[in-house]
């Protein structure tokens, strides 16, 4: 199964990025082959709509699950429409979250926030 998560650096031991839409990179990890790839998030520098653009990048990467600390409602709608499940990350590295996911220890992401919509908040 291929999973994705927003990360701060191109390293499997990096931290999970708190911002889904403005993350610098997405880690795409195959739980069967244990191969990882990093995607530059071109939406990070967008004036607006970063979450939707980032969500489309996730859909285009053909993953089955997204591991993220939070997600705005517009991005979440794109992800849900593509039938990608969203899981809430835990404190720790990207690898810690991959292991927790594989072990069935991550819960589904229930809290979808309204999004920041150019408020400049993080």
PDB file of N, CA and C in Angstrom:
ATOM      1  N   UNK A   1       0.842  -1.184   0.000  1.00  0.00           N
ATOM      2  CA  UNK A   1       0.000   0.000   0.000  1.00  0.00           C
ATOM      3  C   UNK A   1       0.886   1.247   0.000  1.00  0.00           C
ATOM      4  N   UNK A   2       0.500   2.214  -0.804  1.00  0.00           N
ATOM      5  CA  UNK A   2       1.242   3.472  -0.829  1.00  0.00           C
ATOM      6  C   UNK A   2       0.559   4.486   0.088  1.00  0.00           C
ATOM      7  N   UNK A   3       1.384   5.127   0.920  1.00  0.00           N
ATOM      8  CA  UNK A   3       0.882   6.154   1.829  1.00  0.00           C
ATOM      9  C   UNK A   3       1.687   7.438   1.614  1.00  0.00           C
ATOM     10  N   UNK A   4       1.128   8.559   2.037  1.00  0.00           N
ATOM     11  CA  UNK A   4       1.818   9.839   1.903  1.00  0.00           C
ATOM     12  C   UNK A   4       1.677  10.625   3.192  1.00  0.00           C
ATOM     13  N   UNK A   5       2.644  11.530   3.411  1.00  0.00           N
ATOM     14  CA  UNK A   5       2.538  12.447   4.554  1.00  0.00           C
ATOM     15  C   UNK A   5       3.357  13.694   4.278  1.00  0.00           C
ATOM     16  N   UNK A   6       2.924  14.831   4.845  1.00  0.00           N
ATOM     17  CA  UNK A   6       3.697  16.073   4.703  1.00  0.00           C
ATOM     18  C   UNK A   6       4.916  16.022   5.615  1.00  0.00           C
ATOM     19  N   UNK A   7       6.088  16.348   5.053  1.00  0.00           N
ATOM     20  CA  UNK A   7       7.326  16.287   5.844  1.00  0.00           C
ATOM     21  C   UNK A   7       8.160  17.556   5.643  1.00  0.00           C
ATOM     22  N   UNK A   8       9.041  17.810   6.600  1.00  0.00           N
ATOM     23  CA  UNK A   8       9.862  19.022   6.589  1.00  0.00           C
ATOM     24  C   UNK A   8      11.126  18.903   5.743  1.00  0.00           C
ATOM     25  N   UNK A   9      11.642  17.685   5.573  1.00  0.00           N
ATOM     26  CA  UNK A   9      12.879  17.468   4.811  1.00  0.00           C
ATOM     27  C   UNK A   9      12.772  16.200   3.993  1.00  0.00           C
ATOM     28  N   UNK A  10      13.680  16.039   3.039  1.00  0.00           N
ATOM     29  CA  UNK A  10      13.724  14.837   2.205  1.00  0.00           C
ATOM     30  C   UNK A  10      14.545  13.763   2.903  1.00  0.00           C
ATOM     31  N   UNK A  11      13.996  13.259   4.011  1.00  0.00           N
ATOM     32  CA  UNK A  11      14.684  12.276   4.837  1.00  0.00           C
ATOM     33  C   UNK A  11      13.621  11.493   5.598  1.00  0.00           C
ATOM     34  N   UNK A  12      13.727  10.190   5.618  1.00  0.00           N
ATOM     35  CA  UNK A  12      12.715   9.334   6.256  1.00  0.00           C
ATOM     36  C   UNK A  12      12.634   9.562   7.767  1.00  0.00           C
ATOM     37  N   UNK A  13      13.696  10.108   8.349  1.00  0.00           N
ATOM     38  CA  UNK A  13      13.698  10.378   9.795  1.00  0.00           C
ATOM     39  C   UNK A  13      13.279  11.823  10.127  1.00  0.00           C
ATOM     40  N   UNK A  14      12.865  12.577   9.118  1.00  0.00           N
ATOM     41  CA  UNK A  14      12.439  13.956   9.324  1.00  0.00           C
ATOM     42  C   UNK A  14      11.153  14.019  10.139  1.00  0.00           C
ATOM     43  N   UNK A  15      10.815  15.217  10.555  1.00  0.00           N
ATOM     44  CA  UNK A  15       9.562  15.413  11.281  1.00  0.00           C
ATOM     45  C   UNK A  15       8.405  15.569  10.298  1.00  0.00           C
ATOM     46  N   UNK A  16       7.223  15.252  10.785  1.00  0.00           N
ATOM     47  CA  UNK A  16       6.002  15.459  10.014  1.00  0.00           C
ATOM     48  C   UNK A  16       5.699  16.955  10.054  1.00  0.00           C
ATOM     49  N   UNK A  17       5.399  17.537   8.901  1.00  0.00           N
ATOM     50  CA  UNK A  17       5.106  18.966   8.838  1.00  0.00           C
ATOM     51  C   UNK A  17       3.704  19.232   9.381  1.00  0.00           C
ATOM     52  N   UNK A  18       3.569  20.244  10.218  1.00  0.00           N
ATOM     53  CA  UNK A  18       2.290  20.592  10.832  1.00  0.00           C
ATOM     54  C   UNK A  18       1.296  21.121   9.797  1.00  0.00           C
ATOM     55  N   UNK A  19       1.792  21.690   8.713  1.00  0.00           N
ATOM     56  CA  UNK A  19       0.927  22.278   7.691  1.00  0.00           C
ATOM     57  C   UNK A  19       0.838  21.367   6.476  1.00  0.00           C
ATOM     58  N   UNK A  20      -0.349  20.899   6.175  1.00  0.00           N
ATOM     59  CA  UNK A  20      -0.530  20.033   5.011  1.00  0.00           C
ATOM     60  C   UNK A  20      -0.316  20.808   3.705  1.00  0.00           C
ATOM     61  N   UNK A  21      -1.035  21.887   3.514  1.00  0.00           N
ATOM     62  CA  UNK A  21      -0.973  22.626   2.254  1.00  0.00           C
ATOM     63  C   UNK A  21       0.336  23.340   2.000  1.00  0.00           C
ATOM     64  N   UNK A  22       1.011  23.739   3.072  1.00  0.00           N
ATOM     65  CA  UNK A  22       2.253  24.516   2.930  1.00  0.00           C
ATOM     66  C   UNK A  22       3.506  23.703   3.248  1.00  0.00           C
ATOM     67  N   UNK A  23       3.362  22.398   3.360  1.00  0.00           N
ATOM     68  CA  UNK A  23       4.536  21.553   3.606  1.00  0.00           C
ATOM     69  C   UNK A  23       5.532  21.689   2.454  1.00  0.00           C
ATOM     70  N   UNK A  24       6.824  21.647   2.733  1.00  0.00           N
ATOM     71  CA  UNK A  24       7.777  21.730   1.626  1.00  0.00           C
ATOM     72  C   UNK A  24       7.798  20.471   0.749  1.00  0.00           C
ATOM     73  N   UNK A  25       7.536  19.304   1.387  1.00  0.00           N
ATOM     74  CA  UNK A  25       7.618  18.035   0.660  1.00  0.00           C
ATOM     75  C   UNK A  25       6.539  17.069   1.131  1.00  0.00           C
ATOM     76  N   UNK A  26       6.242  16.115   0.272  1.00  0.00           N
ATOM     77  CA  UNK A  26       5.429  14.970   0.662  1.00  0.00           C
ATOM     78  C   UNK A  26       6.289  13.729   0.523  1.00  0.00           C
ATOM     79  N   UNK A  27       6.230  12.887   1.534  1.00  0.00           N
ATOM     80  CA  UNK A  27       6.880  11.587   1.481  1.00  0.00           C
ATOM     81  C   UNK A  27       5.835  10.590   0.984  1.00  0.00           C
ATOM     82  N   UNK A  28       6.168   9.845  -0.037  1.00  0.00           N
ATOM     83  CA  UNK A  28       5.320   8.752  -0.511  1.00  0.00           C
ATOM     84  C   UNK A  28       6.078   7.469  -0.201  1.00  0.00           C
ATOM     85  N   UNK A  29       5.431   6.594   0.548  1.00  0.00           N
ATOM     86  CA  UNK A  29       6.086   5.381   1.035  1.00  0.00           C
ATOM     87  C   UNK A  29       5.245   4.159   0.675  1.00  0.00           C
ATOM     88  N   UNK A  30       5.889   3.150   0.153  1.00  0.00           N
ATOM     89  CA  UNK A  30       5.219   1.895  -0.177  1.00  0.00           C
ATOM     90  C   UNK A  30       5.468   0.915   0.966  1.00  0.00           C
ATOM     91  N   UNK A  31       4.404   0.545   1.666  1.00  0.00           N
ATOM     92  CA  UNK A  31       4.555  -0.319   2.842  1.00  0.00           C
ATOM     93  C   UNK A  31       4.958  -1.744   2.472  1.00  0.00           C
ATOM     94  N   UNK A  32       4.780  -2.134   1.217  1.00  0.00           N
ATOM     95  CA  UNK A  32       5.161  -3.487   0.802  1.00  0.00           C
ATOM     96  C   UNK A  32       6.621  -3.548   0.357  1.00  0.00           C
ATOM     97  N   UNK A  33       7.035  -2.613  -0.492  1.00  0.00           N
ATOM     98  CA  UNK A  33       8.413  -2.643  -0.998  1.00  0.00           C
ATOM     99  C   UNK A  33       9.374  -1.857  -0.099  1.00  0.00           C
ATOM    100  N   UNK A  34       8.798  -1.049   0.803  1.00  0.00           N
ATOM    101  CA  UNK A  34       9.557  -0.182   1.714  1.00  0.00           C
ATOM    102  C   UNK A  34      10.363   0.889   0.956  1.00  0.00           C
ATOM    103  N   UNK A  35       9.916   1.212  -0.246  1.00  0.00           N
ATOM    104  CA  UNK A  35      10.547   2.269  -1.033  1.00  0.00           C
ATOM    105  C   UNK A  35       9.900   3.601  -0.692  1.00  0.00           C
ATOM    106  N   UNK A  36      10.733   4.629  -0.647  1.00  0.00           N
ATOM    107  CA  UNK A  36      10.200   5.963  -0.374  1.00  0.00           C
ATOM    108  C   UNK A  36      10.609   6.918  -1.480  1.00  0.00           C
ATOM    109  N   UNK A  37       9.768   7.922  -1.707  1.00  0.00           N
ATOM    110  CA  UNK A  37      10.043   8.977  -2.684  1.00  0.00           C
ATOM    111  C   UNK A  37       9.548  10.284  -2.090  1.00  0.00           C
ATOM    112  N   UNK A  38      10.166  11.362  -2.485  1.00  0.00           N
ATOM    113  CA  UNK A  38       9.764  12.671  -1.993  1.00  0.00           C
ATOM    114  C   UNK A  38       9.270  13.511  -3.157  1.00  0.00           C
ATOM    115  N   UNK A  39       8.159  14.190  -2.927  1.00  0.00           N
ATOM    116  CA  UNK A  39       7.569  15.068  -3.934  1.00  0.00           C
ATOM    117  C   UNK A  39       7.688  16.496  -3.422  1.00  0.00           C
ATOM    118  N   UNK A  40       8.230  17.388  -4.241  1.00  0.00           N
ATOM    119  CA  UNK A  40       8.241  18.811  -3.888  1.00  0.00           C
ATOM    120  C   UNK A  40       6.811  19.315  -3.928  1.00  0.00           C
ATOM    121  N   UNK A  41       6.405  20.060  -2.916  1.00  0.00           N
ATOM    122  CA  UNK A  41       5.054  20.609  -2.877  1.00  0.00           C
ATOM    123  C   UNK A  41       5.044  21.970  -3.561  1.00  0.00           C
ATOM    124  N   UNK A  42       4.687  22.001  -4.824  1.00  0.00           N
ATOM    125  CA  UNK A  42       4.661  23.260  -5.571  1.00  0.00           C
ATOM    126  C   UNK A  42       3.578  24.198  -5.047  1.00  0.00           C
ATOM    127  N   UNK A  43       2.607  23.688  -4.290  1.00  0.00           N
ATOM    128  CA  UNK A  43       1.535  24.516  -3.747  1.00  0.00           C
ATOM    129  C   UNK A  43       2.004  25.371  -2.563  1.00  0.00           C
ATOM    130  N   UNK A  44       3.154  25.035  -1.978  1.00  0.00           N
ATOM    131  CA  UNK A  44       3.620  25.716  -0.766  1.00  0.00           C
ATOM    132  C   UNK A  44       3.754  27.224  -0.956  1.00  0.00           C
ATOM    133  N   UNK A  45       4.114  27.658  -2.148  1.00  0.00           N
ATOM    134  CA  UNK A  45       4.319  29.082  -2.406  1.00  0.00           C
ATOM    135  C   UNK A  45       3.088  29.765  -3.006  1.00  0.00           C
ATOM    136  N   UNK A  46       1.983  29.052  -3.105  1.00  0.00           N
ATOM    137  CA  UNK A  46       0.773  29.612  -3.718  1.00  0.00           C
ATOM    138  C   UNK A  46       0.208  30.760  -2.896  1.00  0.00           C
ATOM    139  N   UNK A  47      -0.364  31.735  -3.592  1.00  0.00           N
ATOM    140  CA  UNK A  47      -1.045  32.837  -2.907  1.00  0.00           C
ATOM    141  C   UNK A  47      -2.255  32.306  -2.144  1.00  0.00           C
ATOM    142  N   UNK A  48      -2.991  31.429  -2.759  1.00  0.00           N
ATOM    143  CA  UNK A  48      -4.181  30.855  -2.119  1.00  0.00           C
ATOM    144  C   UNK A  48      -4.436  29.485  -2.694  1.00  0.00           C
ATOM    145  N   UNK A  49      -5.307  28.736  -2.050  1.00  0.00           N
ATOM    146  CA  UNK A  49      -5.662  27.411  -2.531  1.00  0.00           C
ATOM    147  C   UNK A  49      -4.572  26.375  -2.376  1.00  0.00           C
ATOM    148  N   UNK A  50      -3.627  26.617  -1.471  1.00  0.00           N
ATOM    149  CA  UNK A  50      -2.509  25.676  -1.302  1.00  0.00           C
ATOM    150  C   UNK A  50      -2.996  24.290  -0.904  1.00  0.00           C
ATOM    151  N   UNK A  51      -3.980  24.230  -0.024  1.00  0.00           N
ATOM    152  CA  UNK A  51      -4.478  22.935   0.431  1.00  0.00           C
ATOM    153  C   UNK A  51      -5.075  22.117  -0.693  1.00  0.00           C
ATOM    154  N   UNK A  52      -5.865  22.767  -1.546  1.00  0.00           N
ATOM    155  CA  UNK A  52      -6.497  22.070  -2.661  1.00  0.00           C
ATOM    156  C   UNK A  52      -5.431  21.583  -3.644  1.00  0.00           C
ATOM    157  N   UNK A  53      -4.454  22.439  -3.943  1.00  0.00           N
ATOM    158  CA  UNK A  53      -3.381  22.049  -4.866  1.00  0.00           C
ATOM    159  C   UNK A  53      -2.545  20.913  -4.278  1.00  0.00           C
ATOM    160  N   UNK A  54      -2.255  20.990  -2.990  1.00  0.00           N
ATOM    161  CA  UNK A  54      -1.496  19.926  -2.328  1.00  0.00           C
ATOM    162  C   UNK A  54      -2.301  18.627  -2.330  1.00  0.00           C
ATOM    163  N   UNK A  55      -3.601  18.734  -2.090  1.00  0.00           N
ATOM    164  CA  UNK A  55      -4.458  17.545  -2.088  1.00  0.00           C
ATOM    165  C   UNK A  55      -4.465  16.891  -3.467  1.00  0.00           C
ATOM    166  N   UNK A  56      -4.461  17.707  -4.518  1.00  0.00           N
ATOM    167  CA  UNK A  56      -4.441  17.151  -5.871  1.00  0.00           C
ATOM    168  C   UNK A  56      -3.130  16.403  -6.128  1.00  0.00           C
ATOM    169  N   UNK A  57      -2.031  16.935  -5.580  1.00  0.00           N
ATOM    170  CA  UNK A  57      -0.739  16.246  -5.719  1.00  0.00           C
ATOM    171  C   UNK A  57      -0.793  14.878  -5.035  1.00  0.00           C
ATOM    172  N   UNK A  58      -1.472  14.803  -3.901  1.00  0.00           N
ATOM    173  CA  UNK A  58      -1.625  13.531  -3.184  1.00  0.00           C
ATOM    174  C   UNK A  58      -2.450  12.567  -4.026  1.00  0.00           C
ATOM    175  N   UNK A  59      -3.549  13.053  -4.583  1.00  0.00           N
ATOM    176  CA  UNK A  59      -4.394  12.221  -5.447  1.00  0.00           C
ATOM    177  C   UNK A  59      -3.584  11.713  -6.644  1.00  0.00           C
ATOM    178  N   UNK A  60      -2.823  12.603  -7.264  1.00  0.00           N
ATOM    179  CA  UNK A  60      -2.025  12.243  -8.441  1.00  0.00           C
ATOM    180  C   UNK A  60      -0.939  11.211  -8.127  1.00  0.00           C
ATOM    181  N   UNK A  61      -0.502  11.161  -6.869  1.00  0.00           N
ATOM    182  CA  UNK A  61       0.539  10.200  -6.488  1.00  0.00           C
ATOM    183  C   UNK A  61      -0.018   8.794  -6.266  1.00  0.00           C
ATOM    184  N   UNK A  62      -1.326   8.653  -6.379  1.00  0.00           N
ATOM    185  CA  UNK A  62      -2.002   7.350  -6.317  1.00  0.00           C
ATOM    186  C   UNK A  62      -1.761   6.591  -5.006  1.00  0.00           C
ATOM    187  N   UNK A  63      -1.843   7.315  -3.897  1.00  0.00           N
ATOM    188  CA  UNK A  63      -1.709   6.676  -2.593  1.00  0.00           C
ATOM    189  C   UNK A  63      -3.082   6.215  -2.098  1.00  0.00           C
ATOM    190  N   UNK A  64      -3.071   5.317  -1.135  1.00  0.00           N
ATOM    191  CA  UNK A  64      -4.315   4.829  -0.541  1.00  0.00           C
ATOM    192  C   UNK A  64      -4.630   5.515   0.773  1.00  0.00           C
ATOM    193  N   UNK A  65      -3.589   6.124   1.396  1.00  0.00           N
ATOM    194  CA  UNK A  65      -3.788   6.759   2.700  1.00  0.00           C
ATOM    195  C   UNK A  65      -2.889   7.985   2.829  1.00  0.00           C
ATOM    196  N   UNK A  66      -3.394   8.970   3.549  1.00  0.00           N
ATOM    197  CA  UNK A  66      -2.645  10.180   3.883  1.00  0.00           C
ATOM    198  C   UNK A  66      -2.504  10.233   5.391  1.00  0.00           C
ATOM    199  N   UNK A  67      -1.263  10.393   5.871  1.00  0.00           N
ATOM    200  CA  UNK A  67      -0.989  10.561   7.295  1.00  0.00           C
ATOM    201  C   UNK A  67      -0.660  12.031   7.490  1.00  0.00           C
ATOM    202  N   UNK A  68      -1.452  12.735   8.293  1.00  0.00           N
ATOM    203  CA  UNK A  68      -1.248  14.170   8.465  1.00  0.00           C
ATOM    204  C   UNK A  68      -1.748  14.618   9.833  1.00  0.00           C
ATOM    205  N   UNK A  69      -1.121  15.666  10.413  1.00  0.00           N
ATOM    206  CA  UNK A  69      -1.594  16.131  11.716  1.00  0.00           C
ATOM    207  C   UNK A  69      -2.933  16.852  11.628  1.00  0.00           C
ATOM    208  N   UNK A  70      -3.194  17.487  10.477  1.00  0.00           N
ATOM    209  CA  UNK A  70      -4.459  18.197  10.299  1.00  0.00           C
ATOM    210  C   UNK A  70      -4.676  18.446   8.811  1.00  0.00           C
ATOM    211  N   UNK A  71      -5.926  18.818   8.481  1.00  0.00           N
ATOM    212  CA  UNK A  71      -6.258  19.058   7.079  1.00  0.00           C
ATOM    213  C   UNK A  71      -7.453  20.006   7.023  1.00  0.00           C
ATOM    214  N   UNK A  72      -7.401  20.955   6.112  1.00  0.00           N
ATOM    215  CA  UNK A  72      -8.516  21.877   5.921  1.00  0.00           C
ATOM    216  C   UNK A  72      -9.642  21.220   5.141  1.00  0.00           C
ATOM    217  N   UNK A  73     -10.848  21.796   5.270  1.00  0.00           N
ATOM    218  CA  UNK A  73     -12.016  21.132   4.683  1.00  0.00           C
ATOM    219  C   UNK A  73     -11.985  21.065   3.152  1.00  0.00           C
ATOM    220  N   UNK A  74     -11.448  22.075   2.477  1.00  0.00           N
ATOM    221  CA  UNK A  74     -11.399  22.022   1.012  1.00  0.00           C
ATOM    222  C   UNK A  74     -10.446  20.928   0.539  1.00  0.00           C
ATOM    223  N   UNK A  75      -9.279  20.856   1.162  1.00  0.00           N
ATOM    224  CA  UNK A  75      -8.318  19.800   0.826  1.00  0.00           C
ATOM    225  C   UNK A  75      -8.888  18.431   1.178  1.00  0.00           C
ATOM    226  N   UNK A  76      -9.530  18.337   2.329  1.00  0.00           N
ATOM    227  CA  UNK A  76     -10.106  17.063   2.778  1.00  0.00           C
ATOM    228  C   UNK A  76     -11.157  16.566   1.793  1.00  0.00           C
ATOM    229  N   UNK A  77     -11.918  17.478   1.225  1.00  0.00           N
ATOM    230  CA  UNK A  77     -12.948  17.101   0.248  1.00  0.00           C
ATOM    231  C   UNK A  77     -12.321  16.467  -0.989  1.00  0.00           C
ATOM    232  N   UNK A  78     -11.214  17.041  -1.461  1.00  0.00           N
ATOM    233  CA  UNK A  78     -10.496  16.492  -2.623  1.00  0.00           C
ATOM    234  C   UNK A  78      -9.985  15.089  -2.297  1.00  0.00           C
ATOM    235  N   UNK A  79      -9.400  14.949  -1.101  1.00  0.00           N
ATOM    236  CA  UNK A  79      -8.831  13.657  -0.676  1.00  0.00           C
ATOM    237  C   UNK A  79      -9.936  12.604  -0.546  1.00  0.00           C
ATOM    238  N   UNK A  80     -11.040  12.985   0.098  1.00  0.00           N
ATOM    239  CA  UNK A  80     -12.145  12.036   0.307  1.00  0.00           C
ATOM    240  C   UNK A  80     -12.772  11.616  -1.014  1.00  0.00           C
ATOM    241  N   UNK A  81     -12.905  12.555  -1.939  1.00  0.00           N
ATOM    242  CA  UNK A  81     -13.490  12.252  -3.249  1.00  0.00           C
ATOM    243  C   UNK A  81     -12.670  11.200  -3.982  1.00  0.00           C
ATOM    244  N   UNK A  82     -11.366  11.208  -3.762  1.00  0.00           N
ATOM    245  CA  UNK A  82     -10.472  10.227  -4.390  1.00  0.00           C
ATOM    246  C   UNK A  82     -10.423   8.918  -3.607  1.00  0.00           C
ATOM    247  N   UNK A  83     -11.237   8.816  -2.552  1.00  0.00           N
ATOM    248  CA  UNK A  83     -11.310   7.609  -1.728  1.00  0.00           C
ATOM    249  C   UNK A  83      -9.978   7.286  -1.051  1.00  0.00           C
ATOM    250  N   UNK A  84      -9.287   8.341  -0.610  1.00  0.00           N
ATOM    251  CA  UNK A  84      -8.042   8.191   0.141  1.00  0.00           C
ATOM    252  C   UNK A  84      -8.381   8.392   1.621  1.00  0.00           C
ATOM    253  N   UNK A  85      -7.996   7.451   2.446  1.00  0.00           N
ATOM    254  CA  UNK A  85      -8.278   7.565   3.887  1.00  0.00           C
ATOM    255  C   UNK A  85      -7.237   8.478   4.536  1.00  0.00           C
ATOM    256  N   UNK A  86      -7.678   9.268   5.515  1.00  0.00           N
ATOM    257  CA  UNK A  86      -6.781  10.174   6.234  1.00  0.00           C
ATOM    258  C   UNK A  86      -6.618   9.707   7.669  1.00  0.00           C
ATOM    259  N   UNK A  87      -5.362   9.658   8.113  1.00  0.00           N
ATOM    260  CA  UNK A  87      -5.030   9.233   9.473  1.00  0.00           C
ATOM    261  C   UNK A  87      -4.282  10.348  10.188  1.00  0.00           C
ATOM    262  N   UNK A  88      -4.536  10.464  11.474  1.00  0.00           N
ATOM    263  CA  UNK A  88      -3.878  11.492  12.289  1.00  0.00           C
ATOM    264  C   UNK A  88      -2.503  11.005  12.714  1.00  0.00           C
ATOM    265  N   UNK A  89      -1.497  11.830  12.447  1.00  0.00           N
ATOM    266  CA  UNK A  89      -0.129  11.474  12.828  1.00  0.00           C
ATOM    267  C   UNK A  89       0.071  11.599  14.330  1.00  0.00           C
ATOM    268  N   UNK A  90       1.130  10.968  14.794  1.00  0.00           N
ATOM    269  CA  UNK A  90       1.544  11.054  16.197  1.00  0.00           C
ATOM    270  C   UNK A  90       2.836  11.862  16.259  1.00  0.00           C
ATOM    271  N   UNK A  91       3.226  12.256  17.456  1.00  0.00           N
ATOM    272  CA  UNK A  91       4.523  12.912  17.619  1.00  0.00           C
ATOM    273  C   UNK A  91       5.612  11.910  17.255  1.00  0.00           C
ATOM    274  N   UNK A  92       6.606  12.383  16.555  1.00  0.00           N
ATOM    275  CA  UNK A  92       7.700  11.503  16.158  1.00  0.00           C
ATOM    276  C   UNK A  92       8.082  11.751  14.718  1.00  0.00           C
ATOM    277  N   UNK A  93       9.000  10.934  14.236  1.00  0.00           N
ATOM    278  CA  UNK A  93       9.507  11.088  12.872  1.00  0.00           C
ATOM    279  C   UNK A  93       8.521  10.507  11.851  1.00  0.00           C
ATOM    280  N   UNK A  94       8.831  10.752  10.593  1.00  0.00           N
ATOM    281  CA  UNK A  94       8.040  10.152   9.521  1.00  0.00           C
ATOM    282  C   UNK A  94       8.067   8.627   9.664  1.00  0.00           C
ATOM    283  N   UNK A  95       9.237   8.070   9.943  1.00  0.00           N
ATOM    284  CA  UNK A  95       9.360   6.616  10.096  1.00  0.00           C
ATOM    285  C   UNK A  95       8.539   6.113  11.283  1.00  0.00           C
ATOM    286  N   UNK A  96       8.523   6.864  12.386  1.00  0.00           N
ATOM    287  CA  UNK A  96       7.692   6.483  13.543  1.00  0.00           C
ATOM    288  C   UNK A  96       6.230   6.380  13.126  1.00  0.00           C
ATOM    289  N   UNK A  97       5.790   7.324  12.290  1.00  0.00           N
ATOM    290  CA  UNK A  97       4.399   7.330  11.842  1.00  0.00           C
ATOM    291  C   UNK A  97       4.113   6.196  10.858  1.00  0.00           C
ATOM    292  N   UNK A  98       5.074   5.891  10.008  1.00  0.00           N
ATOM    293  CA  UNK A  98       4.912   4.755   9.092  1.00  0.00           C
ATOM    294  C   UNK A  98       4.759   3.470   9.901  1.00  0.00           C
ATOM    295  N   UNK A  99       5.630   3.284  10.884  1.00  0.00           N
ATOM    296  CA  UNK A  99       5.555   2.083  11.727  1.00  0.00           C
ATOM    297  C   UNK A  99       4.230   2.013  12.482  1.00  0.00           C
ATOM    298  N   UNK A 100       3.777   3.149  13.018  1.00  0.00           N
ATOM    299  CA  UNK A 100       2.504   3.177  13.743  1.00  0.00           C
ATOM    300  C   UNK A 100       1.345   2.837  12.807  1.00  0.00           C
ATOM    301  N   UNK A 101       1.412   3.338  11.581  1.00  0.00           N
ATOM    302  CA  UNK A 101       0.363   3.041  10.593  1.00  0.00           C
ATOM    303  C   UNK A 101       0.339   1.546  10.277  1.00  0.00           C
ATOM    304  N   UNK A 102       1.497   0.986   9.983  1.00  0.00           N
ATOM    305  CA  UNK A 102       1.600  -0.436   9.635  1.00  0.00           C
ATOM    306  C   UNK A 102       1.090  -1.300  10.791  1.00  0.00           C
ATOM    307  N   UNK A 103       1.338  -0.870  12.023  1.00  0.00           N
ATOM    308  CA  UNK A 103       0.906  -1.622  13.207  1.00  0.00           C
ATOM    309  C   UNK A 103      -0.552  -1.344  13.574  1.00  0.00           C
ATOM    310  N   UNK A 104      -1.227  -0.486  12.802  1.00  0.00           N
ATOM    311  CA  UNK A 104      -2.639  -0.191  13.065  1.00  0.00           C
ATOM    312  C   UNK A 104      -2.870   0.715  14.257  1.00  0.00           C
ATOM    313  N   UNK A 105      -1.871   1.525  14.609  1.00  0.00           N
ATOM    314  CA  UNK A 105      -1.963   2.361  15.803  1.00  0.00           C
ATOM    315  C   UNK A 105      -2.403   3.803  15.530  1.00  0.00           C
ATOM    316  N   UNK A 106      -2.588   4.180  14.265  1.00  0.00           N
ATOM    317  CA  UNK A 106      -3.040   5.542  13.961  1.00  0.00           C
ATOM    318  C   UNK A 106      -4.557   5.552  13.805  1.00  0.00           C
ATOM    319  N   UNK A 107      -5.180   6.590  14.333  1.00  0.00           N
ATOM    320  CA  UNK A 107      -6.632   6.704  14.198  1.00  0.00           C
ATOM    321  C   UNK A 107      -6.972   7.551  12.973  1.00  0.00           C
ATOM    322  N   UNK A 108      -8.173   7.358  12.474  1.00  0.00           N
ATOM    323  CA  UNK A 108      -8.627   8.168  11.353  1.00  0.00           C
ATOM    324  C   UNK A 108      -8.688   9.628  11.780  1.00  0.00           C
ATOM    325  N   UNK A 109      -8.340  10.517  10.866  1.00  0.00           N
ATOM    326  CA  UNK A 109      -8.384  11.953  11.154  1.00  0.00           C
ATOM    327  C   UNK A 109      -9.845  12.377  11.158  1.00  0.00           C
ATOM    328  N   UNK A 110     -10.326  12.798  12.310  1.00  0.00           N
ATOM    329  CA  UNK A 110     -11.732  13.175  12.460  1.00  0.00           C
ATOM    330  C   UNK A 110     -11.941  14.680  12.392  1.00  0.00           C
ATOM    331  N   UNK A 111     -10.975  15.422  12.923  1.00  0.00           N
ATOM    332  CA  UNK A 111     -11.134  16.873  13.012  1.00  0.00           C
ATOM    333  C   UNK A 111     -10.620  17.537  11.742  1.00  0.00           C
ATOM    334  N   UNK A 112     -11.537  18.034  10.944  1.00  0.00           N
ATOM    335  CA  UNK A 112     -11.186  18.764   9.734  1.00  0.00           C
ATOM    336  C   UNK A 112     -11.470  20.236  10.024  1.00  0.00           C
ATOM    337  N   UNK A 113     -10.433  21.076   9.921  1.00  0.00           N
ATOM    338  CA  UNK A 113     -10.636  22.495  10.243  1.00  0.00           C
ATOM    339  C   UNK A 113     -11.117  23.247   9.009  1.00  0.00           C
ATOM    340  N   UNK A 114     -11.693  24.453   9.211  1.00  0.00           N
ATOM    341  CA  UNK A 114     -12.251  25.200   8.089  1.00  0.00           C
ATOM    342  C   UNK A 114     -11.208  25.664   7.070  1.00  0.00           C
ATOM    343  N   UNK A 115      -9.938  25.586   7.392  1.00  0.00           N
ATOM    344  CA  UNK A 115      -8.906  26.090   6.490  1.00  0.00           C
ATOM    345  C   UNK A 115      -8.536  27.505   6.883  1.00  0.00           C
ATOM    346  N   UNK A 116      -7.412  27.958   6.399  1.00  0.00           N
ATOM    347  CA  UNK A 116      -6.937  29.277   6.805  1.00  0.00           C
ATOM    348  C   UNK A 116      -7.251  30.364   5.797  1.00  0.00           C
ATOM    349  N   UNK A 117      -7.479  29.988   4.553  1.00  0.00           N
ATOM    350  CA  UNK A 117      -7.975  30.930   3.547  1.00  0.00           C
ATOM    351  C   UNK A 117      -7.357  32.305   3.589  1.00  0.00           C
ATOM    352  N   UNK A 118      -6.036  32.342   3.420  1.00  0.00           N
ATOM    353  CA  UNK A 118      -5.291  33.598   3.319  1.00  0.00           C
ATOM    354  C   UNK A 118      -5.296  34.442   4.583  1.00  0.00           C
ATOM    355  N   UNK A 119      -5.480  33.826   5.713  1.00  0.00           N
ATOM    356  CA  UNK A 119      -5.438  34.577   6.978  1.00  0.00           C
ATOM    357  C   UNK A 119      -4.010  34.731   7.478  1.00  0.00           C
ATOM    358  N   UNK A 120      -3.096  34.037   6.870  1.00  0.00           N
ATOM    359  CA  UNK A 120      -1.690  34.148   7.255  1.00  0.00           C
ATOM    360  C   UNK A 120      -1.371  33.439   8.559  1.00  0.00           C
ATOM    361  N   UNK A 121      -2.301  32.659   9.076  1.00  0.00           N
ATOM    362  CA  UNK A 121      -2.077  31.950  10.327  1.00  0.00           C
ATOM    363  C   UNK A 121      -1.417  30.614  10.026  1.00  0.00           C
ATOM    364  N   UNK A 122      -0.768  30.069  11.041  1.00  0.00           N
ATOM    365  CA  UNK A 122      -0.192  28.726  10.880  1.00  0.00           C
ATOM    366  C   UNK A 122      -0.651  27.864  12.015  1.00  0.00           C
TER     367      UNK A 122
END
